[in-house]
Amino acid sequence: MSLKKEISKQEVMNVLLAACSSYKNRWLQYYKENYDDSEEQLLYSELTDFAYLFIDL
């Protein structure tokens, strides 16, 4: 039996973007408005924005 690889914190958004390509443009805009290149990404904040995608549907 093979073990599944755990998804790292840094990989989460890439996995979500691959699974839900309709979120990509919204996420790029969110990223542009909320981060500088030197800032650490806040996963909880990004996941909140991802959840709003479904609320807005």
C-alpha atoms as a PDB file:
ATOM      1  CA  MET A   1       0.000   0.000   0.000  1.00  0.00           C
ATOM      2  CA  SER A   2       1.417   3.408  -0.950  1.00  0.00           C
ATOM      3  CA  LEU A   3       1.159   6.386   1.336  1.00  0.00           C
ATOM      4  CA  LYS A   4      -0.260   9.639   0.041  1.00  0.00           C
ATOM      5  CA  LYS A   5       2.016  12.651   0.217  1.00  0.00           C
ATOM      6  CA  GLU A   6       0.883  15.361   2.589  1.00  0.00           C
ATOM      7  CA  ILE A   7       0.203  18.746   1.036  1.00  0.00           C
ATOM      8  CA  SER A   8       2.439  21.440   2.477  1.00  0.00           C
ATOM      9  CA  LYS A   9       1.153  24.867   3.444  1.00  0.00           C
ATOM     10  CA  GLN A  10       2.926  26.333   0.429  1.00  0.00           C
ATOM     11  CA  GLU A  11       1.216  23.869  -1.951  1.00  0.00           C
ATOM     12  CA  VAL A  12      -2.388  24.318  -0.809  1.00  0.00           C
ATOM     13  CA  MET A  13      -3.320  27.207  -3.103  1.00  0.00           C
ATOM     14  CA  ASN A  14      -1.699  25.533  -6.119  1.00  0.00           C
ATOM     15  CA  VAL A  15      -3.785  22.411  -5.482  1.00  0.00           C
ATOM     16  CA  LEU A  16      -6.978  24.484  -5.134  1.00  0.00           C
ATOM     17  CA  LEU A  17      -6.199  26.469  -8.290  1.00  0.00           C
ATOM     18  CA  ALA A  18      -5.597  23.238 -10.219  1.00  0.00           C
ATOM     19  CA  ALA A  19      -8.898  21.817  -8.963  1.00  0.00           C
ATOM     20  CA  CYS A  20     -10.908  25.011  -9.508  1.00  0.00           C
ATOM     21  CA  SER A  21      -9.453  26.921 -12.441  1.00  0.00           C
ATOM     22  CA  SER A  22     -12.347  29.416 -12.353  1.00  0.00           C
ATOM     23  CA  TYR A  23     -10.817  30.832  -9.152  1.00  0.00           C
ATOM     24  CA  LYS A  24      -7.444  31.664 -10.732  1.00  0.00           C
ATOM     25  CA  ASN A  25      -8.222  35.216 -11.918  1.00  0.00           C
ATOM     26  CA  ARG A  26      -9.888  36.103  -8.624  1.00  0.00           C
ATOM     27  CA  TRP A  27      -6.929  34.709  -6.667  1.00  0.00           C
ATOM     28  CA  LEU A  28      -4.402  36.611  -8.794  1.00  0.00           C
ATOM     29  CA  GLN A  29      -6.300  39.835  -8.100  1.00  0.00           C
ATOM     30  CA  TYR A  30      -6.509  38.994  -4.390  1.00  0.00           C
ATOM     31  CA  TYR A  31      -2.778  38.272  -4.300  1.00  0.00           C
ATOM     32  CA  LYS A  32      -1.933  41.522  -6.111  1.00  0.00           C
ATOM     33  CA  GLU A  33      -4.059  43.582  -3.704  1.00  0.00           C
ATOM     34  CA  ASN A  34      -2.866  41.935  -0.490  1.00  0.00           C
ATOM     35  CA  TYR A  35       0.789  40.954  -0.824  1.00  0.00           C
ATOM     36  CA  ASP A  36       4.178  42.373  -1.647  1.00  0.00           C
ATOM     37  CA  ASP A  37       6.812  39.977  -2.973  1.00  0.00           C
ATOM     38  CA  SER A  38       8.546  39.868   0.404  1.00  0.00           C
ATOM     39  CA  GLU A  39       5.442  39.075   2.462  1.00  0.00           C
ATOM     40  CA  GLU A  40       4.500  35.627   3.700  1.00  0.00           C
ATOM     41  CA  GLN A  41       1.195  34.399   2.337  1.00  0.00           C
ATOM     42  CA  LEU A  42      -1.528  33.942   4.942  1.00  0.00           C
ATOM     43  CA  LEU A  43      -3.228  30.673   4.095  1.00  0.00           C
ATOM     44  CA  TYR A  44      -6.227  31.258   6.370  1.00  0.00           C
ATOM     45  CA  SER A  45      -6.930  34.536   4.605  1.00  0.00           C
ATOM     46  CA  GLU A  46      -6.600  32.967   1.165  1.00  0.00           C
ATOM     47  CA  LEU A  47      -8.907  30.107   2.130  1.00  0.00           C
ATOM     48  CA  THR A  48     -11.446  32.651   3.345  1.00  0.00           C
ATOM     49  CA  ASP A  49     -11.374  34.317  -0.066  1.00  0.00           C
ATOM     50  CA  PHE A  50     -11.714  30.896  -1.724  1.00  0.00           C
ATOM     51  CA  ALA A  51     -14.810  30.211   0.397  1.00  0.00           C
ATOM     52  CA  TYR A  52     -16.298  33.537  -0.721  1.00  0.00           C
ATOM     53  CA  LEU A  53     -16.085  32.271  -4.301  1.00  0.00           C
ATOM     54  CA  PHE A  54     -18.799  29.744  -3.460  1.00  0.00           C
ATOM     55  CA  ILE A  55     -20.848  32.219  -1.461  1.00  0.00           C
ATOM     56  CA  ASP A  56     -20.816  34.562  -4.471  1.00  0.00           C
ATOM     57  CA  LEU A  57     -22.102  31.851  -6.833  1.00  0.00           C
END
